[in-house]
């Protein structure tokens, strides 16, 4: 733990002050992470959704002399559970964002890794857990944030909107095959769209 803290402090000393805010909306899918990554997005039989907001701070710019920025991010979300009570979420994660600039435009690819805590068990996670022999679920799970976006301001050539990104995200909670709280199933995936502003 002390090495991780030392690394974060070192990265922070090299960073320029830079912040980001994001609003996100997503819908549940019954597809696994691997299926979604190869383009099989699917949907869930019930209309379950999530709305979320997060904010981030730039820890390091152009990491390893590559166009990779490292952020620490925290966010709040609310899952619409249909006829059941809504579930709230708190996430904390570190995210690497790779920027690809071409023809005065920018596309970014992001991968965030951290933790998610929900106020109750999500219905989609309970349903998946019920298909296993142990049936374990947890409010505290591993969190992945996988994104692709583009700079809307650069696309329309309007400087005040530079660093305003529109993108798609995969919001993923899981026990990492039992490594987190013994949850082998009982995870969830939400295919999402978002708007993010860096300033």
N, C-alpha and C. Protein backbone atom coordinates (compact mmCIF):
# COMPACT_ATOMS: atom_id res chain seq x y z
N UNK A 1 0.82 -1.19 0.00
CA UNK A 1 0.00 0.00 0.00
C UNK A 1 0.86 1.26 0.00
N UNK A 2 1.97 1.24 0.79
CA UNK A 2 2.81 2.43 0.86
C UNK A 2 3.47 2.72 -0.48
N UNK A 3 3.74 1.66 -1.27
CA UNK A 3 4.35 1.87 -2.59
C UNK A 3 3.36 2.51 -3.56
N UNK A 4 2.10 2.12 -3.46
CA UNK A 4 1.06 2.73 -4.30
C UNK A 4 0.90 4.19 -3.93
N UNK A 5 0.89 4.50 -2.62
CA UNK A 5 0.77 5.88 -2.17
C UNK A 5 1.96 6.72 -2.65
N UNK A 6 3.17 6.16 -2.55
CA UNK A 6 4.38 6.85 -3.02
C UNK A 6 4.31 7.11 -4.52
N UNK A 7 3.82 6.13 -5.28
CA UNK A 7 3.68 6.30 -6.73
C UNK A 7 2.70 7.41 -7.05
N UNK A 8 1.56 7.44 -6.35
CA UNK A 8 0.55 8.49 -6.59
C UNK A 8 1.10 9.87 -6.26
N UNK A 9 1.86 10.00 -5.18
CA UNK A 9 2.46 11.29 -4.82
C UNK A 9 3.46 11.72 -5.88
N UNK A 10 4.29 10.79 -6.36
CA UNK A 10 5.27 11.10 -7.39
C UNK A 10 4.59 11.56 -8.67
N UNK A 11 3.54 10.86 -9.07
CA UNK A 11 2.81 11.25 -10.28
C UNK A 11 2.19 12.64 -10.12
N UNK A 12 1.67 12.93 -8.93
CA UNK A 12 1.03 14.21 -8.69
C UNK A 12 2.02 15.36 -8.80
N UNK A 13 3.25 15.15 -8.35
CA UNK A 13 4.25 16.22 -8.42
C UNK A 13 4.56 16.60 -9.86
N UNK A 14 4.37 15.68 -10.80
CA UNK A 14 4.67 15.95 -12.20
C UNK A 14 3.47 16.48 -12.97
N UNK A 15 2.33 16.57 -12.33
CA UNK A 15 1.11 16.89 -13.07
C UNK A 15 0.83 18.39 -13.12
N UNK A 16 0.12 18.78 -14.15
CA UNK A 16 -0.43 20.12 -14.23
C UNK A 16 -1.83 20.03 -13.66
N UNK A 17 -2.30 21.15 -13.08
CA UNK A 17 -3.67 21.14 -12.56
C UNK A 17 -4.64 20.96 -13.71
N UNK A 18 -5.44 19.94 -13.64
CA UNK A 18 -6.39 19.64 -14.70
C UNK A 18 -7.52 18.81 -14.10
N UNK A 19 -8.76 19.18 -14.43
CA UNK A 19 -9.91 18.52 -13.86
C UNK A 19 -10.83 18.03 -14.98
N UNK A 20 -11.69 17.09 -14.63
CA UNK A 20 -12.70 16.61 -15.58
C UNK A 20 -13.99 16.34 -14.83
N UNK A 21 -15.11 16.56 -15.52
CA UNK A 21 -16.43 16.19 -14.99
C UNK A 21 -17.16 15.43 -16.08
N UNK A 22 -17.98 14.46 -15.68
CA UNK A 22 -18.68 13.63 -16.66
C UNK A 22 -20.07 13.29 -16.17
N UNK A 23 -21.04 13.31 -17.10
CA UNK A 23 -22.38 12.79 -16.83
C UNK A 23 -22.59 11.61 -17.78
N UNK A 24 -23.25 10.57 -17.26
CA UNK A 24 -23.35 9.31 -18.00
C UNK A 24 -24.75 8.73 -17.83
N UNK A 25 -25.22 8.07 -18.89
CA UNK A 25 -26.47 7.32 -18.82
C UNK A 25 -26.26 5.98 -19.52
N UNK A 26 -26.69 4.90 -18.87
CA UNK A 26 -26.50 3.58 -19.46
C UNK A 26 -27.66 2.65 -19.19
N UNK A 27 -27.72 1.58 -19.98
CA UNK A 27 -28.75 0.56 -19.80
C UNK A 27 -28.09 -0.79 -19.59
N UNK A 28 -28.76 -1.63 -18.81
CA UNK A 28 -28.20 -2.95 -18.47
C UNK A 28 -28.21 -3.87 -19.67
N UNK A 29 -27.23 -4.77 -19.69
CA UNK A 29 -27.17 -5.82 -20.70
C UNK A 29 -26.92 -7.14 -20.00
N UNK A 30 -27.40 -8.23 -20.61
CA UNK A 30 -27.14 -9.55 -20.04
C UNK A 30 -25.90 -10.19 -20.66
N UNK A 31 -25.17 -9.44 -21.48
CA UNK A 31 -23.96 -9.96 -22.11
C UNK A 31 -22.76 -9.84 -21.16
N UNK A 32 -21.80 -10.75 -21.32
CA UNK A 32 -20.58 -10.73 -20.53
C UNK A 32 -19.61 -9.70 -21.08
N UNK A 33 -18.63 -9.35 -20.26
CA UNK A 33 -17.62 -8.36 -20.65
C UNK A 33 -16.96 -8.71 -21.97
N UNK A 34 -16.54 -9.95 -22.12
CA UNK A 34 -15.87 -10.38 -23.36
C UNK A 34 -16.74 -10.23 -24.59
N UNK A 35 -18.02 -10.57 -24.44
CA UNK A 35 -18.96 -10.43 -25.57
C UNK A 35 -19.09 -8.98 -26.01
N UNK A 36 -19.21 -8.09 -25.03
CA UNK A 36 -19.37 -6.67 -25.34
C UNK A 36 -18.13 -6.12 -26.03
N UNK A 37 -16.95 -6.52 -25.59
CA UNK A 37 -15.70 -6.02 -26.17
C UNK A 37 -15.53 -6.44 -27.62
N UNK A 38 -16.19 -7.52 -28.05
CA UNK A 38 -16.09 -7.92 -29.46
C UNK A 38 -17.32 -7.47 -30.26
N UNK A 39 -18.15 -6.60 -29.65
CA UNK A 39 -19.24 -5.98 -30.39
C UNK A 39 -20.62 -6.55 -30.18
N UNK A 40 -20.79 -7.54 -29.31
CA UNK A 40 -22.11 -8.11 -29.04
C UNK A 40 -22.68 -7.43 -27.80
N UNK A 41 -23.33 -6.28 -27.99
CA UNK A 41 -23.74 -5.43 -26.87
C UNK A 41 -24.95 -5.97 -26.13
N UNK A 42 -25.90 -6.53 -26.84
CA UNK A 42 -27.07 -7.12 -26.20
C UNK A 42 -27.90 -6.12 -25.42
N UNK A 43 -28.87 -6.63 -24.69
CA UNK A 43 -29.73 -5.81 -23.83
C UNK A 43 -30.23 -6.71 -22.71
N UNK A 44 -30.97 -6.12 -21.79
CA UNK A 44 -31.51 -6.87 -20.67
C UNK A 44 -33.02 -6.98 -20.84
N UNK A 45 -33.63 -8.11 -20.46
CA UNK A 45 -35.08 -8.27 -20.66
C UNK A 45 -35.92 -7.18 -19.99
N UNK A 46 -35.43 -6.65 -18.86
CA UNK A 46 -36.15 -5.58 -18.18
C UNK A 46 -35.48 -4.25 -18.48
N UNK A 47 -36.22 -3.16 -18.30
CA UNK A 47 -35.68 -1.82 -18.55
C UNK A 47 -34.98 -1.33 -17.29
N UNK A 48 -33.70 -1.66 -17.15
CA UNK A 48 -32.89 -1.24 -16.01
C UNK A 48 -31.83 -0.28 -16.52
N UNK A 49 -31.59 0.81 -15.79
CA UNK A 49 -30.67 1.83 -16.28
C UNK A 49 -29.86 2.42 -15.13
N UNK A 50 -28.86 3.24 -15.51
CA UNK A 50 -28.03 3.94 -14.52
C UNK A 50 -27.79 5.36 -15.01
N UNK A 51 -27.81 6.30 -14.09
CA UNK A 51 -27.39 7.68 -14.34
C UNK A 51 -26.27 7.98 -13.37
N UNK A 52 -25.20 8.61 -13.85
CA UNK A 52 -24.03 8.80 -12.99
C UNK A 52 -23.33 10.12 -13.28
N UNK A 53 -22.61 10.58 -12.29
CA UNK A 53 -21.78 11.78 -12.39
C UNK A 53 -20.45 11.46 -11.75
N UNK A 54 -19.35 11.83 -12.41
CA UNK A 54 -18.06 11.71 -11.73
C UNK A 54 -17.16 12.89 -12.06
N UNK A 55 -16.15 13.06 -11.21
CA UNK A 55 -15.18 14.14 -11.37
C UNK A 55 -13.79 13.54 -11.21
N UNK A 56 -12.82 14.12 -11.93
CA UNK A 56 -11.48 13.58 -11.89
C UNK A 56 -10.42 14.66 -11.79
N UNK A 57 -9.24 14.22 -11.34
CA UNK A 57 -8.08 15.10 -11.23
C UNK A 57 -6.91 14.45 -11.97
N UNK A 58 -6.24 15.23 -12.79
CA UNK A 58 -5.10 14.73 -13.57
C UNK A 58 -3.90 14.50 -12.67
N UNK A 59 -3.45 13.25 -12.58
CA UNK A 59 -2.27 12.92 -11.80
C UNK A 59 -0.99 13.10 -12.61
N UNK A 60 -1.01 12.67 -13.87
CA UNK A 60 0.19 12.74 -14.68
C UNK A 60 -0.18 12.91 -16.15
N UNK A 61 0.53 13.83 -16.81
CA UNK A 61 0.28 14.11 -18.22
C UNK A 61 1.40 13.49 -19.06
N UNK A 62 1.04 12.92 -20.21
CA UNK A 62 2.01 12.32 -21.14
C UNK A 62 2.93 11.33 -20.43
N UNK A 63 2.32 10.37 -19.76
CA UNK A 63 3.04 9.34 -19.02
C UNK A 63 3.97 8.56 -19.94
N UNK A 64 5.20 8.35 -19.51
CA UNK A 64 6.23 7.63 -20.27
C UNK A 64 6.46 8.28 -21.65
N UNK A 65 6.27 9.61 -21.71
CA UNK A 65 6.43 10.37 -22.97
C UNK A 65 5.48 9.88 -24.06
N UNK A 66 4.36 9.32 -23.66
CA UNK A 66 3.31 8.90 -24.58
C UNK A 66 2.07 9.75 -24.31
N UNK A 67 1.14 9.84 -25.26
CA UNK A 67 -0.07 10.64 -25.03
C UNK A 67 -1.07 9.93 -24.11
N UNK A 68 -0.59 9.58 -22.92
CA UNK A 68 -1.41 8.87 -21.94
C UNK A 68 -1.49 9.72 -20.67
N UNK A 69 -2.70 10.15 -20.35
CA UNK A 69 -2.94 10.91 -19.12
C UNK A 69 -3.55 10.00 -18.07
N UNK A 70 -3.08 10.16 -16.82
CA UNK A 70 -3.57 9.35 -15.71
C UNK A 70 -4.40 10.23 -14.78
N UNK A 71 -5.64 9.80 -14.52
CA UNK A 71 -6.55 10.53 -13.65
C UNK A 71 -6.93 9.69 -12.44
N UNK A 72 -7.24 10.34 -11.34
CA UNK A 72 -7.95 9.69 -10.24
C UNK A 72 -9.36 10.26 -10.29
N UNK A 73 -10.36 9.38 -10.18
CA UNK A 73 -11.75 9.81 -10.35
C UNK A 73 -12.63 9.22 -9.26
N UNK A 74 -13.67 9.98 -8.94
CA UNK A 74 -14.68 9.52 -7.98
C UNK A 74 -16.04 9.92 -8.53
N UNK A 75 -17.05 9.10 -8.24
CA UNK A 75 -18.35 9.41 -8.80
C UNK A 75 -19.50 8.83 -8.00
N UNK A 76 -20.69 9.36 -8.30
CA UNK A 76 -21.93 8.88 -7.70
C UNK A 76 -22.86 8.46 -8.82
N UNK A 77 -23.61 7.39 -8.58
CA UNK A 77 -24.56 6.92 -9.58
C UNK A 77 -25.86 6.47 -8.92
N UNK A 78 -26.89 6.37 -9.75
CA UNK A 78 -28.16 5.83 -9.27
C UNK A 78 -28.70 4.86 -10.31
N UNK A 79 -28.96 3.64 -9.87
CA UNK A 79 -29.50 2.59 -10.73
C UNK A 79 -31.01 2.58 -10.62
N UNK A 80 -31.69 2.67 -11.76
CA UNK A 80 -33.14 2.55 -11.82
C UNK A 80 -33.45 1.06 -11.90
N UNK A 81 -34.05 0.52 -10.85
CA UNK A 81 -34.29 -0.92 -10.73
C UNK A 81 -35.72 -1.31 -11.09
N UNK A 82 -36.35 -0.51 -11.94
CA UNK A 82 -37.70 -0.84 -12.38
C UNK A 82 -38.71 -0.72 -11.26
N UNK A 83 -39.44 -1.80 -10.98
CA UNK A 83 -40.47 -1.77 -9.94
C UNK A 83 -39.88 -1.85 -8.53
N UNK A 84 -38.58 -2.07 -8.42
CA UNK A 84 -37.91 -2.13 -7.12
C UNK A 84 -37.32 -0.77 -6.78
N UNK A 85 -36.86 -0.61 -5.54
CA UNK A 85 -36.26 0.66 -5.12
C UNK A 85 -34.96 0.92 -5.86
N UNK A 86 -34.69 2.18 -6.17
CA UNK A 86 -33.44 2.56 -6.81
C UNK A 86 -32.26 2.24 -5.91
N UNK A 87 -31.11 2.02 -6.53
CA UNK A 87 -29.89 1.69 -5.80
C UNK A 87 -28.85 2.77 -6.10
N UNK A 88 -28.19 3.28 -5.05
CA UNK A 88 -27.15 4.29 -5.22
C UNK A 88 -25.78 3.64 -5.27
N UNK A 89 -24.83 4.33 -5.91
CA UNK A 89 -23.48 3.79 -6.09
C UNK A 89 -22.43 4.87 -5.83
N UNK A 90 -21.31 4.44 -5.26
CA UNK A 90 -20.12 5.27 -5.10
C UNK A 90 -18.97 4.53 -5.77
N UNK A 91 -18.24 5.22 -6.66
CA UNK A 91 -17.08 4.61 -7.32
C UNK A 91 -15.84 5.45 -7.05
N UNK A 92 -14.69 4.77 -6.99
CA UNK A 92 -13.39 5.41 -6.87
C UNK A 92 -12.44 4.62 -7.74
N UNK A 93 -11.77 5.30 -8.69
CA UNK A 93 -10.92 4.56 -9.61
C UNK A 93 -9.82 5.43 -10.20
N UNK A 94 -8.81 4.76 -10.75
CA UNK A 94 -7.73 5.41 -11.48
C UNK A 94 -7.92 5.06 -12.95
N UNK A 95 -7.75 6.07 -13.82
CA UNK A 95 -8.04 5.86 -15.24
C UNK A 95 -6.90 6.36 -16.11
N UNK A 96 -6.50 5.53 -17.07
CA UNK A 96 -5.52 5.92 -18.09
C UNK A 96 -6.27 6.25 -19.37
N UNK A 97 -5.93 7.40 -19.97
CA UNK A 97 -6.61 7.86 -21.18
C UNK A 97 -5.56 8.10 -22.26
N UNK A 98 -5.67 7.37 -23.36
CA UNK A 98 -4.76 7.51 -24.50
C UNK A 98 -5.42 8.39 -25.56
N UNK A 99 -4.74 9.45 -25.98
CA UNK A 99 -5.28 10.38 -26.97
C UNK A 99 -4.61 10.16 -28.33
N UNK A 100 -5.44 10.10 -29.36
CA UNK A 100 -4.97 9.96 -30.73
C UNK A 100 -5.41 11.19 -31.50
N UNK A 101 -4.45 12.05 -31.87
CA UNK A 101 -4.74 13.27 -32.60
C UNK A 101 -4.45 13.09 -34.08
N UNK A 102 -5.40 13.54 -34.91
CA UNK A 102 -5.21 13.48 -36.36
C UNK A 102 -6.14 14.49 -37.02
N UNK A 103 -5.65 15.16 -38.08
CA UNK A 103 -6.45 16.12 -38.84
C UNK A 103 -7.18 17.12 -37.92
N UNK A 104 -6.47 17.63 -36.91
CA UNK A 104 -7.02 18.59 -35.95
C UNK A 104 -8.18 18.03 -35.13
N UNK A 105 -8.30 16.72 -35.07
CA UNK A 105 -9.32 16.08 -34.25
C UNK A 105 -8.66 15.21 -33.18
N UNK A 106 -9.45 14.75 -32.22
CA UNK A 106 -8.91 13.89 -31.16
C UNK A 106 -9.91 12.80 -30.80
N UNK A 107 -9.40 11.56 -30.76
CA UNK A 107 -10.15 10.41 -30.26
C UNK A 107 -9.40 9.90 -29.04
N UNK A 108 -10.13 9.53 -27.99
CA UNK A 108 -9.49 9.02 -26.78
C UNK A 108 -10.01 7.62 -26.44
N UNK A 109 -9.10 6.82 -25.90
CA UNK A 109 -9.43 5.48 -25.43
C UNK A 109 -9.08 5.43 -23.95
N UNK A 110 -10.02 5.01 -23.11
CA UNK A 110 -9.77 5.03 -21.67
C UNK A 110 -10.01 3.70 -21.00
N UNK A 111 -9.23 3.44 -19.96
CA UNK A 111 -9.41 2.25 -19.13
C UNK A 111 -9.25 2.65 -17.68
N UNK A 112 -10.35 2.51 -16.93
CA UNK A 112 -10.34 2.82 -15.50
C UNK A 112 -10.47 1.56 -14.68
N UNK A 113 -9.80 1.54 -13.53
CA UNK A 113 -9.81 0.39 -12.64
C UNK A 113 -9.95 0.88 -11.21
N UNK A 114 -10.90 0.30 -10.46
CA UNK A 114 -11.07 0.73 -9.08
C UNK A 114 -12.12 -0.09 -8.37
N UNK A 115 -12.93 0.58 -7.55
CA UNK A 115 -13.91 -0.11 -6.71
C UNK A 115 -15.26 0.58 -6.79
N UNK A 116 -16.30 -0.22 -6.60
CA UNK A 116 -17.68 0.27 -6.62
C UNK A 116 -18.41 -0.27 -5.40
N UNK A 117 -19.16 0.63 -4.74
CA UNK A 117 -19.98 0.22 -3.61
C UNK A 117 -21.42 0.67 -3.88
N UNK A 118 -22.37 -0.25 -3.78
CA UNK A 118 -23.77 0.07 -3.99
C UNK A 118 -24.55 -0.07 -2.67
N UNK A 119 -25.63 0.69 -2.58
CA UNK A 119 -26.43 0.68 -1.36
C UNK A 119 -27.25 -0.60 -1.20
N UNK A 120 -27.36 -1.38 -2.28
CA UNK A 120 -28.08 -2.65 -2.23
C UNK A 120 -27.57 -3.51 -3.39
N UNK A 121 -27.99 -4.75 -3.45
CA UNK A 121 -27.59 -5.64 -4.54
C UNK A 121 -28.42 -5.29 -5.78
N UNK A 122 -27.76 -5.12 -6.92
CA UNK A 122 -28.46 -4.83 -8.16
C UNK A 122 -29.22 -6.06 -8.63
N UNK A 123 -30.38 -5.85 -9.23
CA UNK A 123 -31.21 -6.97 -9.70
C UNK A 123 -30.48 -7.82 -10.73
N UNK A 124 -29.79 -7.17 -11.66
CA UNK A 124 -29.08 -7.91 -12.70
C UNK A 124 -27.97 -8.76 -12.09
N UNK A 125 -27.34 -8.27 -11.02
CA UNK A 125 -26.28 -9.04 -10.35
C UNK A 125 -26.86 -10.20 -9.56
N UNK A 126 -28.00 -9.99 -8.91
CA UNK A 126 -28.64 -11.08 -8.17
C UNK A 126 -29.09 -12.18 -9.12
N UNK A 127 -29.64 -11.79 -10.27
CA UNK A 127 -30.09 -12.77 -11.24
C UNK A 127 -28.91 -13.62 -11.73
N UNK A 128 -27.78 -12.98 -12.03
CA UNK A 128 -26.61 -13.73 -12.48
C UNK A 128 -26.09 -14.65 -11.38
N UNK A 129 -26.05 -14.16 -10.14
CA UNK A 129 -25.58 -14.97 -9.02
C UNK A 129 -26.46 -16.19 -8.81
N UNK A 130 -27.76 -16.04 -9.04
CA UNK A 130 -28.69 -17.15 -8.84
C UNK A 130 -28.47 -18.29 -9.82
N UNK A 131 -27.72 -18.05 -10.90
CA UNK A 131 -27.43 -19.09 -11.88
C UNK A 131 -26.21 -19.93 -11.48
N UNK A 132 -25.56 -19.59 -10.36
CA UNK A 132 -24.38 -20.34 -9.92
C UNK A 132 -24.72 -21.15 -8.68
N UNK A 133 -23.82 -22.07 -8.31
CA UNK A 133 -24.08 -22.92 -7.15
C UNK A 133 -23.91 -22.16 -5.83
N UNK A 134 -22.92 -21.24 -5.77
CA UNK A 134 -22.72 -20.53 -4.50
C UNK A 134 -23.65 -19.32 -4.35
N UNK A 135 -24.04 -18.70 -5.45
CA UNK A 135 -24.98 -17.59 -5.41
C UNK A 135 -24.51 -16.36 -4.66
N UNK A 136 -23.19 -16.15 -4.58
CA UNK A 136 -22.67 -15.02 -3.82
C UNK A 136 -22.83 -13.70 -4.58
N UNK A 137 -23.19 -12.67 -3.82
CA UNK A 137 -23.25 -11.31 -4.35
C UNK A 137 -22.57 -10.39 -3.34
N UNK A 138 -22.32 -9.17 -3.73
CA UNK A 138 -21.71 -8.22 -2.81
C UNK A 138 -22.03 -6.80 -3.25
N UNK A 139 -22.17 -5.93 -2.28
CA UNK A 139 -22.34 -4.51 -2.59
C UNK A 139 -21.00 -3.89 -3.01
N UNK A 140 -19.91 -4.43 -2.51
CA UNK A 140 -18.56 -3.93 -2.80
C UNK A 140 -17.91 -4.84 -3.83
N UNK A 141 -17.63 -4.30 -5.03
CA UNK A 141 -17.04 -5.08 -6.11
C UNK A 141 -15.98 -4.28 -6.86
N UNK A 142 -15.21 -5.01 -7.67
CA UNK A 142 -14.25 -4.37 -8.56
C UNK A 142 -15.01 -3.56 -9.61
N UNK A 143 -14.40 -2.47 -10.08
CA UNK A 143 -15.04 -1.60 -11.06
C UNK A 143 -14.12 -1.36 -12.25
N UNK A 144 -14.67 -1.50 -13.46
CA UNK A 144 -13.96 -1.15 -14.69
C UNK A 144 -14.76 -0.08 -15.43
N UNK A 145 -14.04 0.86 -16.02
CA UNK A 145 -14.64 1.94 -16.81
C UNK A 145 -13.89 1.96 -18.15
N UNK A 146 -14.51 1.42 -19.20
CA UNK A 146 -13.86 1.30 -20.51
C UNK A 146 -14.56 2.27 -21.46
N UNK A 147 -13.80 3.18 -22.08
CA UNK A 147 -14.42 4.26 -22.85
C UNK A 147 -13.73 4.52 -24.19
N UNK A 148 -14.52 5.06 -25.12
CA UNK A 148 -14.03 5.62 -26.38
C UNK A 148 -14.82 6.90 -26.59
N UNK A 149 -14.11 8.01 -26.88
CA UNK A 149 -14.82 9.27 -27.11
C UNK A 149 -14.09 10.13 -28.13
N UNK A 150 -14.72 11.23 -28.53
CA UNK A 150 -14.10 12.18 -29.44
C UNK A 150 -14.36 13.59 -28.94
N UNK A 151 -13.46 14.51 -29.33
CA UNK A 151 -13.55 15.90 -28.92
C UNK A 151 -14.55 16.63 -29.82
N UNK A 152 -15.72 16.92 -29.28
CA UNK A 152 -16.78 17.56 -30.06
C UNK A 152 -16.38 18.96 -30.52
N UNK A 153 -15.71 19.71 -29.66
CA UNK A 153 -15.29 21.06 -30.01
C UNK A 153 -14.33 21.11 -31.17
N UNK A 154 -13.37 20.18 -31.19
CA UNK A 154 -12.42 20.13 -32.31
C UNK A 154 -13.13 19.69 -33.59
N UNK A 155 -14.10 18.80 -33.46
CA UNK A 155 -14.81 18.30 -34.63
C UNK A 155 -15.56 19.42 -35.34
N UNK A 156 -16.22 20.29 -34.58
CA UNK A 156 -16.99 21.37 -35.20
C UNK A 156 -16.19 22.67 -35.31
N UNK A 157 -14.90 22.61 -34.92
CA UNK A 157 -14.00 23.77 -35.04
C UNK A 157 -14.49 24.97 -34.23
N UNK A 158 -14.92 24.70 -32.98
CA UNK A 158 -15.40 25.77 -32.11
C UNK A 158 -14.58 25.74 -30.82
N UNK A 159 -13.63 26.67 -30.70
CA UNK A 159 -12.64 26.66 -29.62
C UNK A 159 -13.24 26.60 -28.22
N UNK A 160 -14.33 27.35 -27.91
CA UNK A 160 -14.86 27.27 -26.53
C UNK A 160 -15.31 25.86 -26.12
N UNK A 161 -15.58 24.99 -27.09
CA UNK A 161 -16.00 23.62 -26.77
C UNK A 161 -14.86 22.61 -26.88
N UNK A 162 -13.62 23.08 -27.13
CA UNK A 162 -12.50 22.14 -27.13
C UNK A 162 -12.42 21.44 -25.76
N UNK A 163 -12.02 20.20 -25.77
CA UNK A 163 -11.94 19.37 -24.56
C UNK A 163 -13.32 19.06 -23.98
N UNK A 164 -14.32 19.06 -24.85
CA UNK A 164 -15.66 18.56 -24.51
C UNK A 164 -15.86 17.27 -25.28
N UNK A 165 -15.96 16.17 -24.57
CA UNK A 165 -15.94 14.85 -25.20
C UNK A 165 -17.30 14.17 -25.14
N UNK A 166 -17.67 13.54 -26.24
CA UNK A 166 -18.87 12.72 -26.31
C UNK A 166 -18.40 11.29 -26.58
N UNK A 167 -18.92 10.34 -25.81
CA UNK A 167 -18.41 8.99 -26.00
C UNK A 167 -19.33 7.89 -25.52
N UNK A 168 -18.82 6.67 -25.65
CA UNK A 168 -19.52 5.48 -25.17
C UNK A 168 -18.66 4.82 -24.10
N UNK A 169 -19.34 4.20 -23.15
CA UNK A 169 -18.62 3.58 -22.03
C UNK A 169 -19.24 2.24 -21.69
N UNK A 170 -18.41 1.37 -21.18
CA UNK A 170 -18.86 0.13 -20.57
C UNK A 170 -18.62 0.26 -19.07
N UNK A 171 -19.69 0.26 -18.31
CA UNK A 171 -19.62 0.37 -16.85
C UNK A 171 -19.76 -1.04 -16.29
N UNK A 172 -18.69 -1.54 -15.68
CA UNK A 172 -18.61 -2.97 -15.33
C UNK A 172 -18.30 -3.14 -13.84
N UNK A 173 -19.11 -3.98 -13.18
CA UNK A 173 -18.85 -4.40 -11.79
C UNK A 173 -18.70 -5.91 -11.76
N UNK A 174 -17.70 -6.40 -11.03
CA UNK A 174 -17.54 -7.85 -10.92
C UNK A 174 -16.67 -8.21 -9.73
N UNK A 175 -16.67 -9.50 -9.41
CA UNK A 175 -15.83 -10.03 -8.35
C UNK A 175 -14.50 -10.55 -8.85
N UNK A 176 -14.20 -10.33 -10.13
CA UNK A 176 -12.95 -10.77 -10.77
C UNK A 176 -12.73 -12.27 -10.50
N UNK A 177 -13.71 -13.07 -10.91
CA UNK A 177 -13.64 -14.53 -10.79
C UNK A 177 -13.39 -14.99 -9.35
N UNK A 178 -14.00 -14.27 -8.40
CA UNK A 178 -13.90 -14.68 -7.00
C UNK A 178 -12.85 -13.97 -6.18
N UNK A 179 -12.03 -13.12 -6.79
CA UNK A 179 -10.98 -12.43 -6.04
C UNK A 179 -11.54 -11.37 -5.10
N UNK A 180 -12.68 -10.79 -5.42
CA UNK A 180 -13.29 -9.76 -4.57
C UNK A 180 -14.53 -10.35 -3.90
N UNK A 181 -14.45 -10.52 -2.59
CA UNK A 181 -15.57 -11.02 -1.77
C UNK A 181 -16.10 -12.39 -2.22
N UNK A 182 -15.28 -13.16 -2.93
CA UNK A 182 -15.67 -14.51 -3.34
C UNK A 182 -16.75 -14.56 -4.39
N UNK A 183 -17.01 -13.43 -5.07
CA UNK A 183 -18.08 -13.37 -6.07
C UNK A 183 -17.55 -13.86 -7.41
N UNK A 184 -18.01 -15.03 -7.84
CA UNK A 184 -17.56 -15.57 -9.13
C UNK A 184 -18.47 -15.12 -10.27
N UNK A 185 -19.75 -15.01 -10.00
CA UNK A 185 -20.73 -14.42 -10.91
C UNK A 185 -21.27 -13.19 -10.20
N UNK A 186 -22.49 -12.79 -10.50
CA UNK A 186 -23.07 -11.69 -9.75
C UNK A 186 -22.51 -10.33 -10.11
N UNK A 187 -21.99 -10.17 -11.34
CA UNK A 187 -21.52 -8.87 -11.80
C UNK A 187 -22.55 -8.22 -12.71
N UNK A 188 -22.20 -7.04 -13.23
CA UNK A 188 -23.13 -6.35 -14.11
C UNK A 188 -22.38 -5.53 -15.15
N UNK A 189 -23.04 -5.32 -16.29
CA UNK A 189 -22.52 -4.48 -17.37
C UNK A 189 -23.61 -3.53 -17.82
N UNK A 190 -23.23 -2.27 -17.98
CA UNK A 190 -24.15 -1.24 -18.47
C UNK A 190 -23.51 -0.54 -19.66
N UNK A 191 -24.15 -0.67 -20.83
CA UNK A 191 -23.70 0.05 -22.03
C UNK A 191 -24.16 1.49 -21.90
N UNK A 192 -23.23 2.44 -22.04
CA UNK A 192 -23.52 3.82 -21.66
C UNK A 192 -23.05 4.83 -22.69
N UNK A 193 -23.64 6.00 -22.65
CA UNK A 193 -23.17 7.16 -23.38
C UNK A 193 -22.88 8.26 -22.36
N UNK A 194 -21.98 9.18 -22.72
CA UNK A 194 -21.63 10.21 -21.74
C UNK A 194 -21.14 11.48 -22.41
N UNK A 195 -21.12 12.53 -21.63
CA UNK A 195 -20.57 13.83 -22.00
C UNK A 195 -19.57 14.20 -20.92
N UNK A 196 -18.34 14.53 -21.33
CA UNK A 196 -17.29 14.86 -20.38
C UNK A 196 -16.62 16.16 -20.78
N UNK A 197 -16.30 16.99 -19.78
CA UNK A 197 -15.60 18.24 -20.01
C UNK A 197 -14.32 18.27 -19.19
N UNK A 198 -13.21 18.55 -19.85
CA UNK A 198 -11.93 18.76 -19.17
C UNK A 198 -11.64 20.24 -19.08
N UNK A 199 -11.14 20.69 -17.92
CA UNK A 199 -10.83 22.11 -17.77
C UNK A 199 -9.69 22.30 -16.79
